[in-house]
């Protein structure tokens, strides 16, 4: 499970310069540095996770960074083992990891991973060059070369299964989002199946560099995939991408930030507080954080809560039951 360490470590600020609230808490057992498992460059996890790591590092006066990984499945594994303190995941891959069906470590129940706060919903959509004439899922030709992001990502885990359920036959390709975008521009891919918070940086970049079609789901397709997979209906706003002229029917799955369950309660409390107390700061990192709100705590029906995160939410209007809190 080798990961590439992101070259944007947040500069550690002096503890004296940190806010008084961060100074006054009990720091027993706190790490001297931390990392947040994100995903590939060009994806929303990468931007969101790195930005949140910077906020935590700056406010708490310790060194923190985002780290490039394979995405939700690998983040579950790395946080479970303690190789990473924090990570970002999607509830579908989280459920599979708890059940021991994570392809990274089949048979291992990754039960030392705790939820800490809701992030946003991950919509699924495709992009293809306009020259491909692919404007709907049914127009994807037999044997099309389709990229699905890093192996083990949410897109790679669910999008191929959705397309197969909808009768599409394709050649499956994996890679970082930026790399796949370059391959499609070079004619090496026919389409890319994305699953990430919108707007997805790679899609926005493709819009600038070439002409693309952004493809969603028909009503019949929505009925099929929502009945077969752990997703719900979602509408991508027309102003998300310049290419869209109307809202795009889609499906989505919730993402949550996660922590190793053994991290000190006060440390996770503070990391959660920083993400939850000022939504404008999170939105400044990525616009998908408009959904990073305390009231979405109840979207987690999969992972146990870290005691530190549960304490923050229960102090701020939530009612997380004791049997949903790790060790409770």
C-alpha atoms as a PDB file:
ATOM      1  CA  UNK A   1       0.000   0.000   0.000  1.00  0.00           C
ATOM      2  CA  UNK A   2       2.589   2.496  -1.034  1.00  0.00           C
ATOM      3  CA  UNK A   3       1.331   6.031  -1.447  1.00  0.00           C
ATOM      4  CA  UNK A   4       2.949   9.092  -2.896  1.00  0.00           C
ATOM      5  CA  UNK A   5       3.406  11.743  -0.252  1.00  0.00           C
ATOM      6  CA  UNK A   6       1.968  15.046  -1.354  1.00  0.00           C
ATOM      7  CA  UNK A   7       4.537  17.748  -1.703  1.00  0.00           C
ATOM      8  CA  UNK A   8       2.396  20.347  -0.019  1.00  0.00           C
ATOM      9  CA  UNK A   9       2.959  19.800   3.689  1.00  0.00           C
ATOM     10  CA  UNK A  10       1.302  22.532   5.679  1.00  0.00           C
ATOM     11  CA  UNK A  11       3.888  24.610   7.470  1.00  0.00           C
ATOM     12  CA  UNK A  12       3.574  24.011  11.199  1.00  0.00           C
ATOM     13  CA  UNK A  13       2.680  27.169  13.036  1.00  0.00           C
ATOM     14  CA  UNK A  14       3.967  27.929  16.481  1.00  0.00           C
ATOM     15  CA  UNK A  15       1.646  26.716  19.190  1.00  0.00           C
ATOM     16  CA  UNK A  16       1.580  30.181  20.705  1.00  0.00           C
ATOM     17  CA  UNK A  17       0.108  31.508  17.463  1.00  0.00           C
ATOM     18  CA  UNK A  18      -2.737  28.980  17.461  1.00  0.00           C
ATOM     19  CA  UNK A  19      -6.182  30.029  18.667  1.00  0.00           C
ATOM     20  CA  UNK A  20      -6.630  29.943  22.429  1.00  0.00           C
ATOM     21  CA  UNK A  21      -9.215  27.173  22.191  1.00  0.00           C
ATOM     22  CA  UNK A  22      -6.688  24.902  20.488  1.00  0.00           C
ATOM     23  CA  UNK A  23      -4.075  25.787  23.118  1.00  0.00           C
ATOM     24  CA  UNK A  24      -6.267  24.978  26.076  1.00  0.00           C
ATOM     25  CA  UNK A  25      -7.316  21.452  25.146  1.00  0.00           C
ATOM     26  CA  UNK A  26      -5.691  18.324  26.570  1.00  0.00           C
ATOM     27  CA  UNK A  27      -3.080  17.239  24.007  1.00  0.00           C
ATOM     28  CA  UNK A  28      -2.138  13.974  25.696  1.00  0.00           C
ATOM     29  CA  UNK A  29      -1.212  11.387  23.080  1.00  0.00           C
ATOM     30  CA  UNK A  30      -1.553  13.751  20.135  1.00  0.00           C
ATOM     31  CA  UNK A  31       0.646  12.955  17.110  1.00  0.00           C
ATOM     32  CA  UNK A  32       3.347  15.432  16.137  1.00  0.00           C
ATOM     33  CA  UNK A  33       2.169  15.236  12.524  1.00  0.00           C
ATOM     34  CA  UNK A  34      -0.672  13.683  10.554  1.00  0.00           C
ATOM     35  CA  UNK A  35      -1.692  12.798   7.009  1.00  0.00           C
ATOM     36  CA  UNK A  36      -5.073  12.669   5.265  1.00  0.00           C
ATOM     37  CA  UNK A  37      -5.586   9.987   2.625  1.00  0.00           C
ATOM     38  CA  UNK A  38      -7.221  11.590  -0.440  1.00  0.00           C
ATOM     39  CA  UNK A  39      -7.170  10.121  -3.978  1.00  0.00           C
ATOM     40  CA  UNK A  40      -5.512  10.920  -7.305  1.00  0.00           C
ATOM     41  CA  UNK A  41      -4.535  14.404  -8.436  1.00  0.00           C
ATOM     42  CA  UNK A  42      -7.276  16.015 -10.506  1.00  0.00           C
ATOM     43  CA  UNK A  43     -10.029  14.653  -8.262  1.00  0.00           C
ATOM     44  CA  UNK A  44     -12.151  16.335  -5.603  1.00  0.00           C
ATOM     45  CA  UNK A  45     -10.819  14.184  -2.733  1.00  0.00           C
ATOM     46  CA  UNK A  46      -7.308  15.467  -3.473  1.00  0.00           C
ATOM     47  CA  UNK A  47      -8.325  19.128  -3.302  1.00  0.00           C
ATOM     48  CA  UNK A  48     -10.737  18.750  -0.387  1.00  0.00           C
ATOM     49  CA  UNK A  49      -8.524  16.553   1.781  1.00  0.00           C
ATOM     50  CA  UNK A  50      -5.379  18.592   1.279  1.00  0.00           C
ATOM     51  CA  UNK A  51      -7.224  21.810   2.067  1.00  0.00           C
ATOM     52  CA  UNK A  52      -8.764  20.431   5.248  1.00  0.00           C
ATOM     53  CA  UNK A  53      -5.358  19.078   6.338  1.00  0.00           C
ATOM     54  CA  UNK A  54      -3.932  22.569   5.935  1.00  0.00           C
ATOM     55  CA  UNK A  55      -6.690  24.104   8.073  1.00  0.00           C
ATOM     56  CA  UNK A  56      -6.171  21.581  10.862  1.00  0.00           C
ATOM     57  CA  UNK A  57      -2.383  21.977  10.752  1.00  0.00           C
ATOM     58  CA  UNK A  58      -2.545  25.767  10.847  1.00  0.00           C
ATOM     59  CA  UNK A  59      -5.092  25.980  13.660  1.00  0.00           C
ATOM     60  CA  UNK A  60      -3.670  23.242  15.878  1.00  0.00           C
ATOM     61  CA  UNK A  61      -0.017  24.089  15.322  1.00  0.00           C
ATOM     62  CA  UNK A  62       1.134  20.676  14.063  1.00  0.00           C
ATOM     63  CA  UNK A  63       2.348  19.496  10.678  1.00  0.00           C
ATOM     64  CA  UNK A  64      -0.308  17.982   8.421  1.00  0.00           C
ATOM     65  CA  UNK A  65      -0.708  17.095   4.773  1.00  0.00           C
ATOM     66  CA  UNK A  66      -2.904  15.461   2.202  1.00  0.00           C
ATOM     67  CA  UNK A  67      -1.532  12.276   0.649  1.00  0.00           C
ATOM     68  CA  UNK A  68      -2.198  10.892  -2.828  1.00  0.00           C
ATOM     69  CA  UNK A  69      -3.809   7.439  -2.594  1.00  0.00           C
ATOM     70  CA  UNK A  70      -6.001   5.114  -4.607  1.00  0.00           C
ATOM     71  CA  UNK A  71      -9.142   6.603  -3.063  1.00  0.00           C
ATOM     72  CA  UNK A  72     -11.916   5.339  -0.756  1.00  0.00           C
ATOM     73  CA  UNK A  73     -11.015   1.635  -0.614  1.00  0.00           C
ATOM     74  CA  UNK A  74      -7.313   2.231  -0.006  1.00  0.00           C
ATOM     75  CA  UNK A  75      -8.052   4.985   2.494  1.00  0.00           C
ATOM     76  CA  UNK A  76     -10.162   2.551   4.517  1.00  0.00           C
ATOM     77  CA  UNK A  77      -7.254   0.109   4.583  1.00  0.00           C
ATOM     78  CA  UNK A  78      -4.594   2.698   5.432  1.00  0.00           C
ATOM     79  CA  UNK A  79      -6.658   4.306   8.197  1.00  0.00           C
ATOM     80  CA  UNK A  80      -7.588   0.898   9.631  1.00  0.00           C
ATOM     81  CA  UNK A  81      -3.917  -0.087   9.967  1.00  0.00           C
ATOM     82  CA  UNK A  82      -2.912   3.330  11.321  1.00  0.00           C
ATOM     83  CA  UNK A  83      -0.643   4.118   8.353  1.00  0.00           C
ATOM     84  CA  UNK A  84      -2.780   7.238   7.956  1.00  0.00           C
ATOM     85  CA  UNK A  85      -4.469   9.145  10.775  1.00  0.00           C
ATOM     86  CA  UNK A  86      -7.313  10.430   8.610  1.00  0.00           C
ATOM     87  CA  UNK A  87      -8.810   9.697   5.237  1.00  0.00           C
ATOM     88  CA  UNK A  88     -11.777  10.329   2.987  1.00  0.00           C
ATOM     89  CA  UNK A  89     -14.135   7.560   1.921  1.00  0.00           C
ATOM     90  CA  UNK A  90     -17.517   6.850   0.395  1.00  0.00           C
ATOM     91  CA  UNK A  91     -20.142   4.904   2.313  1.00  0.00           C
ATOM     92  CA  UNK A  92     -20.434   2.116  -0.264  1.00  0.00           C
ATOM     93  CA  UNK A  93     -16.723   1.201  -0.122  1.00  0.00           C
ATOM     94  CA  UNK A  94     -16.842   1.723   3.663  1.00  0.00           C
ATOM     95  CA  UNK A  95     -19.589  -0.875   4.010  1.00  0.00           C
ATOM     96  CA  UNK A  96     -17.654  -3.332   1.847  1.00  0.00           C
ATOM     97  CA  UNK A  97     -14.515  -2.768   3.937  1.00  0.00           C
ATOM     98  CA  UNK A  98     -16.360  -3.427   7.189  1.00  0.00           C
ATOM     99  CA  UNK A  99     -17.779  -6.612   5.693  1.00  0.00           C
ATOM    100  CA  UNK A 100     -14.309  -7.845   4.718  1.00  0.00           C
ATOM    101  CA  UNK A 101     -14.831  -7.520   0.958  1.00  0.00           C
ATOM    102  CA  UNK A 102     -12.379  -4.685   0.321  1.00  0.00           C
ATOM    103  CA  UNK A 103     -10.318  -5.958  -2.657  1.00  0.00           C
ATOM    104  CA  UNK A 104      -7.119  -4.585  -1.096  1.00  0.00           C
ATOM    105  CA  UNK A 105      -7.344  -7.073   1.780  1.00  0.00           C
ATOM    106  CA  UNK A 106     -10.096  -9.627   1.119  1.00  0.00           C
ATOM    107  CA  UNK A 107     -11.405 -11.239   4.286  1.00  0.00           C
ATOM    108  CA  UNK A 108     -10.154  -8.485   6.607  1.00  0.00           C
ATOM    109  CA  UNK A 109     -12.931  -6.654   8.436  1.00  0.00           C
ATOM    110  CA  UNK A 110     -11.643  -3.082   8.624  1.00  0.00           C
ATOM    111  CA  UNK A 111     -13.339  -2.259  11.906  1.00  0.00           C
ATOM    112  CA  UNK A 112     -10.830   0.219  13.328  1.00  0.00           C
ATOM    113  CA  UNK A 113     -12.078   3.037  11.113  1.00  0.00           C
ATOM    114  CA  UNK A 114     -14.411   5.677  12.559  1.00  0.00           C
ATOM    115  CA  UNK A 115     -16.557   8.356  10.945  1.00  0.00           C
ATOM    116  CA  UNK A 116     -15.762  11.944  11.910  1.00  0.00           C
ATOM    117  CA  UNK A 117     -17.846  14.267   9.700  1.00  0.00           C
ATOM    118  CA  UNK A 118     -20.043  14.344   6.555  1.00  0.00           C
ATOM    119  CA  UNK A 119     -18.403  15.748   3.435  1.00  0.00           C
ATOM    120  CA  UNK A 120     -20.686  15.812   0.380  1.00  0.00           C
ATOM    121  CA  UNK A 121     -22.438  13.554  -2.071  1.00  0.00           C
ATOM    122  CA  UNK A 122     -20.496  11.941  -4.917  1.00  0.00           C
ATOM    123  CA  UNK A 123     -22.460  12.133  -8.169  1.00  0.00           C
ATOM    124  CA  UNK A 124     -21.744   9.706 -11.004  1.00  0.00           C
ATOM    125  CA  UNK A 125     -21.488  10.970 -14.577  1.00  0.00           C
ATOM    126  CA  UNK A 126     -19.537  10.319 -17.759  1.00  0.00           C
ATOM    127  CA  UNK A 127     -17.589  12.578 -20.080  1.00  0.00           C
ATOM    128  CA  UNK A 128     -16.675  11.966 -23.704  1.00  0.00           C
ATOM    129  CA  UNK A 129     -15.230  14.075 -26.487  1.00  0.00           C
ATOM    130  CA  UNK A 130     -17.949  15.696 -28.579  1.00  0.00           C
ATOM    131  CA  UNK A 131     -16.390  14.082 -31.630  1.00  0.00           C
ATOM    132  CA  UNK A 132     -17.287  10.661 -30.189  1.00  0.00           C
ATOM    133  CA  UNK A 133     -21.025  11.388 -30.632  1.00  0.00           C
ATOM    134  CA  UNK A 134     -21.626   9.783 -27.234  1.00  0.00           C
ATOM    135  CA  UNK A 135     -24.450  11.806 -25.691  1.00  0.00           C
ATOM    136  CA  UNK A 136     -26.102   9.055 -23.645  1.00  0.00           C
ATOM    137  CA  UNK A 137     -25.141   5.788 -21.956  1.00  0.00           C
ATOM    138  CA  UNK A 138     -26.996   3.817 -24.611  1.00  0.00           C
ATOM    139  CA  UNK A 139     -24.756   5.396 -27.289  1.00  0.00           C
ATOM    140  CA  UNK A 140     -21.536   4.012 -25.779  1.00  0.00           C
ATOM    141  CA  UNK A 141     -20.374   1.596 -28.498  1.00  0.00           C
ATOM    142  CA  UNK A 142     -19.643  -2.067 -27.800  1.00  0.00           C
ATOM    143  CA  UNK A 143     -16.038  -2.498 -26.698  1.00  0.00           C
ATOM    144  CA  UNK A 144     -15.559   1.179 -25.880  1.00  0.00           C
ATOM    145  CA  UNK A 145     -12.470   2.025 -23.852  1.00  0.00           C
ATOM    146  CA  UNK A 146     -13.757   3.586 -20.624  1.00  0.00           C
ATOM    147  CA  UNK A 147     -11.631   4.959 -17.781  1.00  0.00           C
ATOM    148  CA  UNK A 148     -12.890   4.654 -14.202  1.00  0.00           C
ATOM    149  CA  UNK A 149     -10.234   6.416 -12.129  1.00  0.00           C
ATOM    150  CA  UNK A 150      -7.792   4.693  -9.769  1.00  0.00           C
ATOM    151  CA  UNK A 151      -8.348   1.011  -9.033  1.00  0.00           C
ATOM    152  CA  UNK A 152     -10.515   0.701  -5.920  1.00  0.00           C
ATOM    153  CA  UNK A 153     -11.980   4.197  -6.205  1.00  0.00           C
ATOM    154  CA  UNK A 154     -15.741   4.733  -5.909  1.00  0.00           C
ATOM    155  CA  UNK A 155     -15.987   5.143  -9.662  1.00  0.00           C
ATOM    156  CA  UNK A 156     -13.989   1.977 -10.296  1.00  0.00           C
ATOM    157  CA  UNK A 157     -15.981   0.015  -7.714  1.00  0.00           C
ATOM    158  CA  UNK A 158     -19.498   0.902  -8.876  1.00  0.00           C
ATOM    159  CA  UNK A 159     -19.553   2.546 -12.317  1.00  0.00           C
ATOM    160  CA  UNK A 160     -18.468  -0.572 -14.272  1.00  0.00           C
ATOM    161  CA  UNK A 161     -21.157  -2.601 -12.486  1.00  0.00           C
ATOM    162  CA  UNK A 162     -23.768   0.040 -13.302  1.00  0.00           C
ATOM    163  CA  UNK A 163     -22.815   0.099 -16.970  1.00  0.00           C
ATOM    164  CA  UNK A 164     -22.876  -3.698 -17.158  1.00  0.00           C
ATOM    165  CA  UNK A 165     -26.325  -3.685 -15.558  1.00  0.00           C
ATOM    166  CA  UNK A 166     -27.410  -1.219 -18.254  1.00  0.00           C
ATOM    167  CA  UNK A 167     -26.139  -3.502 -21.018  1.00  0.00           C
ATOM    168  CA  UNK A 168     -22.939  -1.657 -21.929  1.00  0.00           C
ATOM    169  CA  UNK A 169     -19.872  -3.707 -22.937  1.00  0.00           C
ATOM    170  CA  UNK A 170     -16.501  -1.971 -22.570  1.00  0.00           C
ATOM    171  CA  UNK A 171     -12.777  -2.270 -21.980  1.00  0.00           C
ATOM    172  CA  UNK A 172     -11.987  -1.160 -18.441  1.00  0.00           C
ATOM    173  CA  UNK A 173      -9.101   1.254 -17.884  1.00  0.00           C
ATOM    174  CA  UNK A 174      -7.720   2.696 -14.648  1.00  0.00           C
ATOM    175  CA  UNK A 175      -5.499   5.638 -13.752  1.00  0.00           C
ATOM    176  CA  UNK A 176      -5.447   9.045 -12.107  1.00  0.00           C
ATOM    177  CA  UNK A 177      -8.122  11.439 -13.312  1.00  0.00           C
ATOM    178  CA  UNK A 178      -5.671  13.859 -14.917  1.00  0.00           C
ATOM    179  CA  UNK A 179      -3.945  10.996 -16.721  1.00  0.00           C
ATOM    180  CA  UNK A 180      -7.247   9.599 -17.991  1.00  0.00           C
ATOM    181  CA  UNK A 181      -8.277  13.050 -19.192  1.00  0.00           C
ATOM    182  CA  UNK A 182      -5.053  13.299 -21.202  1.00  0.00           C
ATOM    183  CA  UNK A 183      -5.615   9.817 -22.639  1.00  0.00           C
ATOM    184  CA  UNK A 184      -9.107  10.755 -23.804  1.00  0.00           C
ATOM    185  CA  UNK A 185      -7.806  13.895 -25.494  1.00  0.00           C
ATOM    186  CA  UNK A 186      -5.195  11.745 -27.256  1.00  0.00           C
ATOM    187  CA  UNK A 187      -7.860   9.368 -28.543  1.00  0.00           C
ATOM    188  CA  UNK A 188      -6.845   6.489 -26.271  1.00  0.00           C
ATOM    189  CA  UNK A 189     -10.155   6.458 -24.375  1.00  0.00           C
ATOM    190  CA  UNK A 190     -13.723   6.778 -25.600  1.00  0.00           C
ATOM    191  CA  UNK A 191     -15.191   7.962 -22.304  1.00  0.00           C
ATOM    192  CA  UNK A 192     -14.462   8.446 -18.606  1.00  0.00           C
ATOM    193  CA  UNK A 193     -16.851   7.444 -15.831  1.00  0.00           C
ATOM    194  CA  UNK A 194     -16.433   9.925 -12.972  1.00  0.00           C
ATOM    195  CA  UNK A 195     -17.541   9.656  -9.368  1.00  0.00           C
ATOM    196  CA  UNK A 196     -16.408  12.626  -7.281  1.00  0.00           C
ATOM    197  CA  UNK A 197     -17.683  15.842  -5.787  1.00  0.00           C
ATOM    198  CA  UNK A 198     -18.637  18.308  -8.481  1.00  0.00           C
ATOM    199  CA  UNK A 199     -17.251  20.246 -10.175  1.00  0.00           C
ATOM    200  CA  UNK A 200     -14.546  17.666 -10.842  1.00  0.00           C
ATOM    201  CA  UNK A 201     -11.293  19.517 -11.637  1.00  0.00           C
ATOM    202  CA  UNK A 202     -10.404  17.194 -14.524  1.00  0.00           C
ATOM    203  CA  UNK A 203     -13.779  17.756 -16.196  1.00  0.00           C
ATOM    204  CA  UNK A 204     -13.484  21.515 -15.774  1.00  0.00           C
ATOM    205  CA  UNK A 205     -10.012  21.351 -17.316  1.00  0.00           C
ATOM    206  CA  UNK A 206     -11.254  19.274 -20.249  1.00  0.00           C
ATOM    207  CA  UNK A 207     -13.944  21.889 -20.922  1.00  0.00           C
ATOM    208  CA  UNK A 208     -11.247  24.517 -21.318  1.00  0.00           C
ATOM    209  CA  UNK A 209      -8.975  22.403 -23.490  1.00  0.00           C
ATOM    210  CA  UNK A 210     -11.479  20.713 -25.802  1.00  0.00           C
ATOM    211  CA  UNK A 211     -15.193  20.189 -26.494  1.00  0.00           C
ATOM    212  CA  UNK A 212     -16.887  17.460 -24.466  1.00  0.00           C
ATOM    213  CA  UNK A 213     -20.255  15.898 -23.766  1.00  0.00           C
ATOM    214  CA  UNK A 214     -21.251  15.311 -20.136  1.00  0.00           C
ATOM    215  CA  UNK A 215     -23.521  12.295 -19.859  1.00  0.00           C
ATOM    216  CA  UNK A 216     -26.050  11.454 -17.152  1.00  0.00           C
ATOM    217  CA  UNK A 217     -28.834   8.886 -16.781  1.00  0.00           C
ATOM    218  CA  UNK A 218     -32.270   8.509 -18.354  1.00  0.00           C
ATOM    219  CA  UNK A 219     -35.327   7.970 -16.148  1.00  0.00           C
ATOM    220  CA  UNK A 220     -35.316   4.251 -16.976  1.00  0.00           C
ATOM    221  CA  UNK A 221     -31.594   3.994 -16.208  1.00  0.00           C
ATOM    222  CA  UNK A 222     -32.087   5.803 -12.892  1.00  0.00           C
ATOM    223  CA  UNK A 223     -34.790   3.350 -11.866  1.00  0.00           C
ATOM    224  CA  UNK A 224     -32.488   0.434 -12.645  1.00  0.00           C
ATOM    225  CA  UNK A 225     -29.333   1.607 -10.871  1.00  0.00           C
ATOM    226  CA  UNK A 226     -31.093   2.943  -7.750  1.00  0.00           C
ATOM    227  CA  UNK A 227     -32.780  -0.430  -7.309  1.00  0.00           C
ATOM    228  CA  UNK A 228     -29.534  -2.393  -7.719  1.00  0.00           C
ATOM    229  CA  UNK A 229     -26.847  -0.245  -6.049  1.00  0.00           C
ATOM    230  CA  UNK A 230     -26.373   1.836  -2.830  1.00  0.00           C
ATOM    231  CA  UNK A 231     -27.017   5.162  -4.587  1.00  0.00           C
ATOM    232  CA  UNK A 232     -29.830   7.686  -4.640  1.00  0.00           C
ATOM    233  CA  UNK A 233     -31.097  10.107  -7.258  1.00  0.00           C
ATOM    234  CA  UNK A 234     -29.142  13.334  -7.621  1.00  0.00           C
ATOM    235  CA  UNK A 235     -29.336  16.293  -9.991  1.00  0.00           C
ATOM    236  CA  UNK A 236     -26.142  18.026 -11.096  1.00  0.00           C
ATOM    237  CA  UNK A 237     -26.908  21.729 -11.392  1.00  0.00           C
ATOM    238  CA  UNK A 238     -26.611  23.267 -14.848  1.00  0.00           C
ATOM    239  CA  UNK A 239     -24.142  25.862 -13.569  1.00  0.00           C
ATOM    240  CA  UNK A 240     -21.700  23.165 -12.401  1.00  0.00           C
ATOM    241  CA  UNK A 241     -20.024  22.951 -15.805  1.00  0.00           C
ATOM    242  CA  UNK A 242     -19.993  25.319 -18.771  1.00  0.00           C
ATOM    243  CA  UNK A 243     -20.913  22.422 -21.055  1.00  0.00           C
ATOM    244  CA  UNK A 244     -24.263  21.788 -19.325  1.00  0.00           C
ATOM    245  CA  UNK A 245     -27.307  23.638 -20.627  1.00  0.00           C
ATOM    246  CA  UNK A 246     -29.754  22.007 -18.209  1.00  0.00           C
ATOM    247  CA  UNK A 247     -29.603  20.046 -14.941  1.00  0.00           C
ATOM    248  CA  UNK A 248     -28.105  16.582 -15.419  1.00  0.00           C
ATOM    249  CA  UNK A 249     -29.970  13.578 -13.926  1.00  0.00           C
ATOM    250  CA  UNK A 250     -27.527  11.475 -11.960  1.00  0.00           C
ATOM    251  CA  UNK A 251     -27.075   9.267  -8.902  1.00  0.00           C
ATOM    252  CA  UNK A 252     -24.903   9.893  -5.858  1.00  0.00           C
ATOM    253  CA  UNK A 253     -23.389   8.374  -2.727  1.00  0.00           C
ATOM    254  CA  UNK A 254     -22.358  10.156   0.500  1.00  0.00           C
ATOM    255  CA  UNK A 255     -18.719  10.709   1.472  1.00  0.00           C
ATOM    256  CA  UNK A 256     -17.425  10.942   5.037  1.00  0.00           C
ATOM    257  CA  UNK A 257     -14.092  11.888   6.569  1.00  0.00           C
ATOM    258  CA  UNK A 258     -12.679   9.028   8.634  1.00  0.00           C
ATOM    259  CA  UNK A 259     -10.135   8.560  11.414  1.00  0.00           C
ATOM    260  CA  UNK A 260      -8.284   5.693  12.985  1.00  0.00           C
ATOM    261  CA  UNK A 261     -10.431   4.816  15.987  1.00  0.00           C
ATOM    262  CA  UNK A 262      -7.393   4.806  18.315  1.00  0.00           C
ATOM    263  CA  UNK A 263      -6.622   8.517  17.832  1.00  0.00           C
ATOM    264  CA  UNK A 264      -7.018  10.632  20.999  1.00  0.00           C
ATOM    265  CA  UNK A 265     -10.548  11.891  21.543  1.00  0.00           C
ATOM    266  CA  UNK A 266      -9.496  15.523  21.994  1.00  0.00           C
ATOM    267  CA  UNK A 267      -7.456  15.519  18.768  1.00  0.00           C
ATOM    268  CA  UNK A 268     -10.357  14.199  16.682  1.00  0.00           C
ATOM    269  CA  UNK A 269     -12.770  16.570  18.439  1.00  0.00           C
ATOM    270  CA  UNK A 270     -10.627  19.531  17.357  1.00  0.00           C
ATOM    271  CA  UNK A 271     -10.181  18.240  13.781  1.00  0.00           C
ATOM    272  CA  UNK A 272     -13.948  17.796  13.528  1.00  0.00           C
ATOM    273  CA  UNK A 273     -14.657  21.213  15.015  1.00  0.00           C
ATOM    274  CA  UNK A 274     -12.390  22.898  12.480  1.00  0.00           C
ATOM    275  CA  UNK A 275     -14.254  21.282   9.566  1.00  0.00           C
ATOM    276  CA  UNK A 276     -17.714  21.973  10.998  1.00  0.00           C
ATOM    277  CA  UNK A 277     -17.533  25.375  12.673  1.00  0.00           C
ATOM    278  CA  UNK A 278     -17.002  27.591   9.620  1.00  0.00           C
ATOM    279  CA  UNK A 279     -18.477  26.242   6.394  1.00  0.00           C
ATOM    280  CA  UNK A 280     -17.238  29.212   4.370  1.00  0.00           C
ATOM    281  CA  UNK A 281     -13.635  28.119   4.941  1.00  0.00           C
ATOM    282  CA  UNK A 282     -14.444  24.621   3.678  1.00  0.00           C
ATOM    283  CA  UNK A 283     -16.309  25.954   0.633  1.00  0.00           C
ATOM    284  CA  UNK A 284     -13.263  28.077  -0.129  1.00  0.00           C
ATOM    285  CA  UNK A 285     -11.323  24.812  -0.457  1.00  0.00           C
ATOM    286  CA  UNK A 286     -13.870  23.219  -2.830  1.00  0.00           C
ATOM    287  CA  UNK A 287     -17.433  24.188  -3.680  1.00  0.00           C
ATOM    288  CA  UNK A 288     -18.689  20.660  -2.957  1.00  0.00           C
ATOM    289  CA  UNK A 289     -18.260  21.533   0.744  1.00  0.00           C
ATOM    290  CA  UNK A 290     -21.580  23.400   0.625  1.00  0.00           C
ATOM    291  CA  UNK A 291     -22.874  20.015   1.879  1.00  0.00           C
ATOM    292  CA  UNK A 292     -20.256  19.771   4.669  1.00  0.00           C
ATOM    293  CA  UNK A 293     -22.821  20.690   7.296  1.00  0.00           C
ATOM    294  CA  UNK A 294     -23.514  19.355  10.809  1.00  0.00           C
ATOM    295  CA  UNK A 295     -27.107  18.404   9.960  1.00  0.00           C
ATOM    296  CA  UNK A 296     -25.875  15.713   7.577  1.00  0.00           C
ATOM    297  CA  UNK A 297     -24.439  13.634  10.416  1.00  0.00           C
ATOM    298  CA  UNK A 298     -27.417  11.301  10.039  1.00  0.00           C
ATOM    299  CA  UNK A 299     -26.384  10.241   6.526  1.00  0.00           C
ATOM    300  CA  UNK A 300     -23.880   7.850   8.114  1.00  0.00           C
ATOM    301  CA  UNK A 301     -25.561   4.491   8.695  1.00  0.00           C
ATOM    302  CA  UNK A 302     -22.413   2.437   8.098  1.00  0.00           C
ATOM    303  CA  UNK A 303     -19.407   3.388  10.239  1.00  0.00           C
ATOM    304  CA  UNK A 304     -19.112   3.759  14.015  1.00  0.00           C
ATOM    305  CA  UNK A 305     -18.413   7.323  15.106  1.00  0.00           C
ATOM    306  CA  UNK A 306     -15.128   8.305  16.707  1.00  0.00           C
ATOM    307  CA  UNK A 307     -15.861   9.360  20.311  1.00  0.00           C
ATOM    308  CA  UNK A 308     -14.265  12.765  19.736  1.00  0.00           C
ATOM    309  CA  UNK A 309     -16.388  13.477  16.660  1.00  0.00           C
ATOM    310  CA  UNK A 310     -19.549  12.142  18.325  1.00  0.00           C
ATOM    311  CA  UNK A 311     -18.957  14.441  21.291  1.00  0.00           C
ATOM    312  CA  UNK A 312     -18.736  17.494  19.004  1.00  0.00           C
ATOM    313  CA  UNK A 313     -21.909  16.583  17.112  1.00  0.00           C
ATOM    314  CA  UNK A 314     -23.898  15.742  20.241  1.00  0.00           C
ATOM    315  CA  UNK A 315     -22.835  19.086  21.737  1.00  0.00           C
ATOM    316  CA  UNK A 316     -24.119  20.790  18.601  1.00  0.00           C
ATOM    317  CA  UNK A 317     -27.603  19.407  18.111  1.00  0.00           C
ATOM    318  CA  UNK A 318     -27.067  15.818  16.944  1.00  0.00           C
ATOM    319  CA  UNK A 319     -28.325  12.720  18.747  1.00  0.00           C
ATOM    320  CA  UNK A 320     -25.766  10.043  17.909  1.00  0.00           C
ATOM    321  CA  UNK A 321     -26.739   6.983  19.969  1.00  0.00           C
ATOM    322  CA  UNK A 322     -24.161   5.285  22.162  1.00  0.00           C
ATOM    323  CA  UNK A 323     -24.303   2.074  20.144  1.00  0.00           C
ATOM    324  CA  UNK A 324     -23.114   4.000  17.060  1.00  0.00           C
ATOM    325  CA  UNK A 325     -20.039   5.347  18.891  1.00  0.00           C
ATOM    326  CA  UNK A 326     -16.827   3.311  18.869  1.00  0.00           C
ATOM    327  CA  UNK A 327     -16.345   1.688  22.248  1.00  0.00           C
ATOM    328  CA  UNK A 328     -19.827   2.691  23.372  1.00  0.00           C
END
